[in-house]
Protein backbone atom coordinates (compact mmCIF):
# COMPACT_ATOMS: atom_id res chain seq x y z
CA MET A 1 -7.64 17.02 -1.02
CA SER A 2 -5.79 14.28 1.61
CA LEU A 3 -5.91 11.17 3.42
CA VAL A 4 -4.77 12.42 7.12
CA VAL A 5 -3.72 10.32 10.35
CA GLU A 6 -4.32 12.49 13.39
CA GLU A 7 -2.48 10.90 16.99
CA VAL A 8 -3.66 7.39 15.66
CA SER A 9 -3.04 4.70 18.39
CA SER A 10 -3.75 1.02 17.83
CA GLY A 11 -3.19 -2.36 19.17
CA TYR A 12 -4.52 -5.70 20.31
CA GLY A 13 -6.03 -6.92 23.10
CA ARG A 14 -4.60 -5.10 25.60
CA ALA A 15 -1.08 -4.07 23.84
CA THR A 16 -1.48 -0.92 21.79
CA VAL A 17 1.23 -1.44 18.89
CA THR A 18 1.05 1.90 17.44
CA LYS A 19 1.11 5.11 19.74
CA SER A 20 0.10 8.83 18.30
CA ILE A 21 0.67 8.48 14.84
CA SER A 22 0.55 11.01 12.48
CA MET A 23 0.88 11.43 8.56
CA GLU A 24 -0.66 12.53 5.90
CA LEU A 25 -1.44 10.61 1.94
CA ALA A 26 -1.48 13.07 -1.04
CA PRO A 27 -2.98 12.24 -4.11
CA GLY A 28 -0.38 11.05 -6.69
CA ARG A 29 2.59 10.62 -4.20
CA ILE A 30 3.80 7.99 -2.70
CA SER A 31 5.31 7.87 1.27
CA ALA A 32 7.03 5.45 2.61
CA LEU A 33 7.07 3.77 5.56
CA ILE A 34 10.18 1.94 7.05
CA GLY A 35 11.30 -0.01 10.48
CA SER A 36 11.91 -3.03 11.61
CA ASN A 37 9.56 -5.89 12.16
CA GLY A 38 7.73 -5.71 14.67
CA ALA A 39 7.82 -1.59 14.94
CA GLY A 40 4.16 -1.76 13.86
CA LYS A 41 4.02 -0.93 10.27
CA SER A 42 1.17 -3.71 9.57
CA THR A 43 -0.99 -2.29 12.69
CA LEU A 44 -0.13 0.76 11.01
CA ALA A 45 -1.69 -0.37 7.84
CA ARG A 46 -4.78 -2.24 9.28
CA THR A 47 -5.90 0.45 11.24
CA VAL A 48 -5.52 3.17 8.47
CA CYS A 49 -8.06 0.99 6.52
CA GLY A 50 -10.63 -0.15 8.81
CA LEU A 51 -9.36 -3.85 10.13
CA LEU A 52 -8.21 -2.73 13.47
CA PRO A 53 -10.37 -0.23 15.56
CA CYS A 54 -8.31 3.52 16.54
CA ARG A 55 -7.90 3.69 20.21
CA SER A 56 -7.43 6.96 19.75
CA GLY A 57 -7.04 9.93 17.39
CA SER A 58 -8.92 10.45 13.91
CA ILE A 59 -8.76 9.85 10.20
CA VAL A 60 -9.61 12.01 7.98
CA LEU A 61 -10.60 11.61 4.14
CA ASP A 62 -10.90 15.01 2.66
CA GLY A 63 -11.98 16.63 5.68
CA LYS A 64 -14.44 13.93 6.57
CA PRO A 65 -13.36 11.69 9.77
CA VAL A 66 -13.93 7.95 8.79
CA GLN A 67 -12.53 6.38 11.53
CA LYS A 68 -15.74 4.75 12.90
CA LEU A 69 -16.55 3.57 9.24
CA THR A 70 -16.13 -0.58 8.68
CA ALA A 71 -12.87 -1.39 6.91
CA ALA A 72 -15.87 -2.21 3.52
CA GLN A 73 -17.24 0.86 4.01
CA ARG A 74 -13.58 2.65 3.82
CA ALA A 75 -12.80 0.66 0.78
CA ARG A 76 -16.21 2.21 -1.13
CA ALA A 77 -14.95 5.95 0.10
CA GLY A 78 -11.42 4.81 -1.87
CA ILE A 79 -9.08 3.69 0.59
CA VAL A 80 -7.51 0.27 -0.40
CA MET A 81 -5.17 -2.12 0.94
CA VAL A 82 -2.88 -4.36 -1.00
CA PRO A 83 -2.29 -6.72 2.23
CA GLU A 84 1.21 -8.75 3.09
CA GLY A 85 0.81 -11.56 1.43
CA ARG A 86 -1.24 -10.71 -1.66
CA ARG A 87 -4.66 -12.51 -0.53
CA LEU A 88 -5.76 -13.48 -4.05
CA PHE A 89 -8.43 -15.95 -5.16
CA ALA A 90 -6.17 -18.81 -5.89
CA ARG A 91 -8.85 -20.60 -7.63
CA LEU A 92 -9.54 -17.52 -10.06
CA THR A 93 -8.18 -16.62 -12.97
CA VAL A 94 -6.44 -13.14 -13.50
CA ALA A 95 -8.93 -12.34 -15.62
CA GLU A 96 -11.72 -13.12 -12.43
CA ASN A 97 -9.43 -12.03 -9.54
CA ILE A 98 -9.21 -8.24 -11.52
CA ARG A 99 -12.64 -8.27 -12.43
CA MET A 100 -13.69 -8.60 -8.86
CA GLY A 101 -11.67 -5.29 -7.85
CA SER A 102 -13.71 -3.75 -11.38
CA CYS A 103 -17.09 -4.70 -9.71
CA ALA A 104 -16.24 -2.97 -6.30
CA ALA A 105 -15.82 0.30 -8.54
CA ALA A 106 -18.73 0.17 -10.48
CA GLY A 107 -20.56 0.10 -6.78
CA ARG A 108 -19.42 3.03 -6.63
CA GLY A 109 -20.27 4.22 -9.99
CA ARG A 110 -16.35 4.56 -11.21
CA THR A 111 -14.44 3.67 -13.39
CA SER A 112 -11.32 2.22 -14.15
CA SER A 113 -10.77 0.13 -17.36
CA GLN A 114 -8.80 3.05 -18.82
CA HIS A 115 -5.80 2.60 -16.09
CA VAL A 116 -6.22 -1.18 -15.98
CA GLU A 117 -5.62 -1.61 -19.91
CA THR A 118 -2.19 0.76 -19.45
CA LEU A 119 -0.75 -1.48 -16.44
CA LEU A 120 -2.00 -4.36 -19.03
CA ASP A 121 0.11 -2.65 -21.96
CA ALA A 122 3.29 -1.99 -19.25
CA PHE A 123 3.11 -5.32 -18.15
CA PRO A 124 2.35 -7.66 -20.68
CA ILE A 125 2.72 -10.45 -19.44
CA LEU A 126 -0.48 -10.21 -17.04
CA ARG A 127 -2.11 -10.70 -20.35
CA ASP A 128 -0.25 -14.06 -21.12
CA ARG A 129 -1.70 -15.15 -17.62
CA TRP A 130 -5.06 -13.94 -18.18
CA SER A 131 -6.69 -17.15 -18.19
CA GLN A 132 -4.61 -19.01 -15.85
CA ARG A 133 -5.75 -19.58 -11.87
CA ALA A 134 -3.77 -17.22 -9.91
CA GLY A 135 -2.71 -19.86 -7.46
CA HIS A 136 -0.22 -21.37 -10.48
CA LEU A 137 1.64 -17.98 -10.51
CA SER A 138 4.77 -17.12 -9.54
CA GLY A 139 5.32 -14.56 -6.57
CA GLY A 140 6.20 -11.68 -8.42
CA GLU A 141 3.40 -12.42 -10.87
CA GLN A 142 0.48 -12.71 -8.19
CA GLN A 143 1.87 -9.69 -6.70
CA MET A 144 1.10 -7.68 -9.90
CA VAL A 145 -1.86 -9.14 -10.31
CA ALA A 146 -3.30 -8.12 -6.65
CA LEU A 147 -1.85 -4.19 -7.61
CA THR A 148 -3.71 -4.65 -11.05
CA ARG A 149 -6.89 -5.37 -8.91
CA ALA A 150 -6.56 -2.98 -6.70
CA VAL A 151 -6.53 -0.41 -9.47
CA ALA A 152 -9.25 -1.57 -10.82
CA SER A 153 -11.54 -0.84 -7.71
CA ALA A 154 -10.91 2.87 -8.36
CA PRO A 155 -8.72 3.71 -5.56
CA ARG A 156 -8.13 6.90 -4.11
CA TYR A 157 -5.54 5.91 -1.43
CA LEU A 158 -3.54 2.87 -1.78
CA VAL A 159 -2.26 1.20 1.36
CA LEU A 160 0.98 -1.57 0.26
CA ASP A 161 1.75 -3.66 2.90
CA GLU A 162 5.10 -5.19 2.42
CA PRO A 163 4.83 -5.28 -1.43
CA SER A 164 7.94 -6.74 -1.73
CA LEU A 165 8.26 -9.33 0.36
CA GLY A 166 9.22 -12.82 -0.92
CA LEU A 167 10.30 -11.47 -3.92
CA SER A 168 13.68 -11.07 -5.83
CA PRO A 169 15.64 -8.31 -6.13
CA LYS A 170 14.83 -8.11 -10.11
CA LEU A 171 11.10 -8.83 -9.30
CA THR A 172 11.18 -6.33 -6.69
CA GLN A 173 12.22 -3.68 -9.69
CA GLU A 174 9.14 -4.87 -11.80
CA VAL A 175 6.79 -4.85 -8.61
CA PHE A 176 8.02 -1.19 -7.73
CA ARG A 177 7.88 -0.23 -11.66
CA LEU A 178 4.07 -0.90 -11.30
CA ILE A 179 4.04 1.45 -8.27
CA GLN A 180 5.00 4.13 -10.00
CA LEU A 181 3.07 3.73 -13.03
CA ILE A 182 -0.17 3.32 -10.24
CA ALA A 183 1.05 6.91 -8.99
CA ASP A 184 1.44 8.51 -11.92
CA GLU A 185 -1.94 6.88 -14.02
CA THR A 186 -4.31 6.69 -11.10
CA ARG A 187 -3.13 10.02 -8.87
CA ALA A 188 -4.12 8.06 -6.22
CA GLY A 189 -2.03 8.85 -2.94
CA ILE A 190 0.38 5.65 -1.75
CA LEU A 191 1.62 4.66 1.34
CA LEU A 192 4.43 1.93 0.79
CA ILE A 193 4.97 -0.21 3.88
CA GLU A 194 8.50 -1.92 2.79
CA GLN A 195 10.63 -3.63 4.54
CA MET A 196 14.02 -3.33 1.59
CA ALA A 197 14.22 0.65 2.78
CA ASP A 198 16.44 1.27 -0.08
CA ASP A 199 14.40 0.70 -3.00
CA ALA A 200 11.41 2.38 -1.10
CA LEU A 201 12.97 5.66 0.23
CA GLY A 202 14.55 5.49 -3.94
CA LEU A 203 10.90 5.53 -5.15
CA ALA A 204 9.02 7.79 -2.52
CA GLN A 205 8.72 11.35 -2.22
CA HIS A 206 8.26 11.24 1.40
CA ALA A 207 9.20 8.98 4.44
CA HIS A 208 8.38 8.14 7.56
CA VAL A 209 10.57 5.90 10.03
CA LEU A 210 8.71 3.84 12.80
CA GLU A 211 10.26 2.88 15.85
CA GLN A 212 8.57 0.85 18.56
CA GLY A 213 5.06 2.15 17.40
CA ARG A 214 6.46 5.55 17.39
CA ILE A 215 7.36 7.62 14.20
CA THR A 216 10.35 8.85 14.85
CA ILE A 217 12.00 10.83 11.97
CA SER A 218 9.83 12.31 9.01
CA GLY A 219 10.81 14.36 5.90
CA PRO A 220 11.41 14.28 2.27
CA ALA A 221 12.52 10.61 0.88
CA ASP A 222 15.72 11.33 -0.49
CA GLU A 223 17.01 13.09 3.01
CA LEU A 224 16.30 10.35 4.68
CA ARG A 225 18.23 8.20 2.00
CA THR A 226 21.16 10.08 3.15
CA SER A 227 20.49 10.33 6.65
CA PRO A 228 23.40 8.55 8.31
CA ASP A 229 21.55 7.77 11.14
CA VAL A 230 18.68 5.58 8.77
CA ARG A 231 21.76 4.12 6.86
CA ALA A 232 23.33 2.74 9.40
CA ALA A 233 19.57 1.50 11.26
CA TYR A 234 18.00 0.06 7.85
CA LEU A 235 19.61 0.43 4.83
CA GLY A 236 22.55 -2.17 5.19
CA ARG A 237 19.80 -4.44 4.90
CA SER A 238 18.13 -3.46 1.58
CA HIS A 239 19.51 -5.46 -1.49
């Protein structure tokens, strides 16, 4: 079982942004994707999840090509995205936002209630905010709700686009602790797209460096974390 991205290129208008990207996500494992602003990280995330079409290449879920499926169809198949900026329903409560994810899971005949309860036990602040509108929460609290809503949809693979964006170092560590718990509890494969390279490499088992739309380095995350080239290019800006 795996999610395989094979020689995928995509972009906007006449511009090709990602070029011949290949990677594989495995259940229960975290793969980090790091790179500078404008390297194509979010473009790749949108392509994997069906928000942008593949111009070439394939995306294969458990041996079945899914690159021609819509974003909704891929989500129903278990490929779920937490986009940059959280995209919560600001006027709905925390409970209502999370239930939106549960409804999606129920529609596929799957259940995620036990996983959600585990996250709520580990992060009781979500229970404390249960009846508050999502738009009134802090950035860190909103990210926790967005991640829990994604878990409520019973994902098989999660694509997380810049989950630490706009957060303090302390809140970033809390969000990363939640991501690790999600991987452990749900066994979902996770693609962690992050500007905070050192934090991402410390959490992941495997990692890729994206430069100008191409993957230039891939390997075990701990090896990339100690690579002089990677450290010089990306880790100096980490918290």
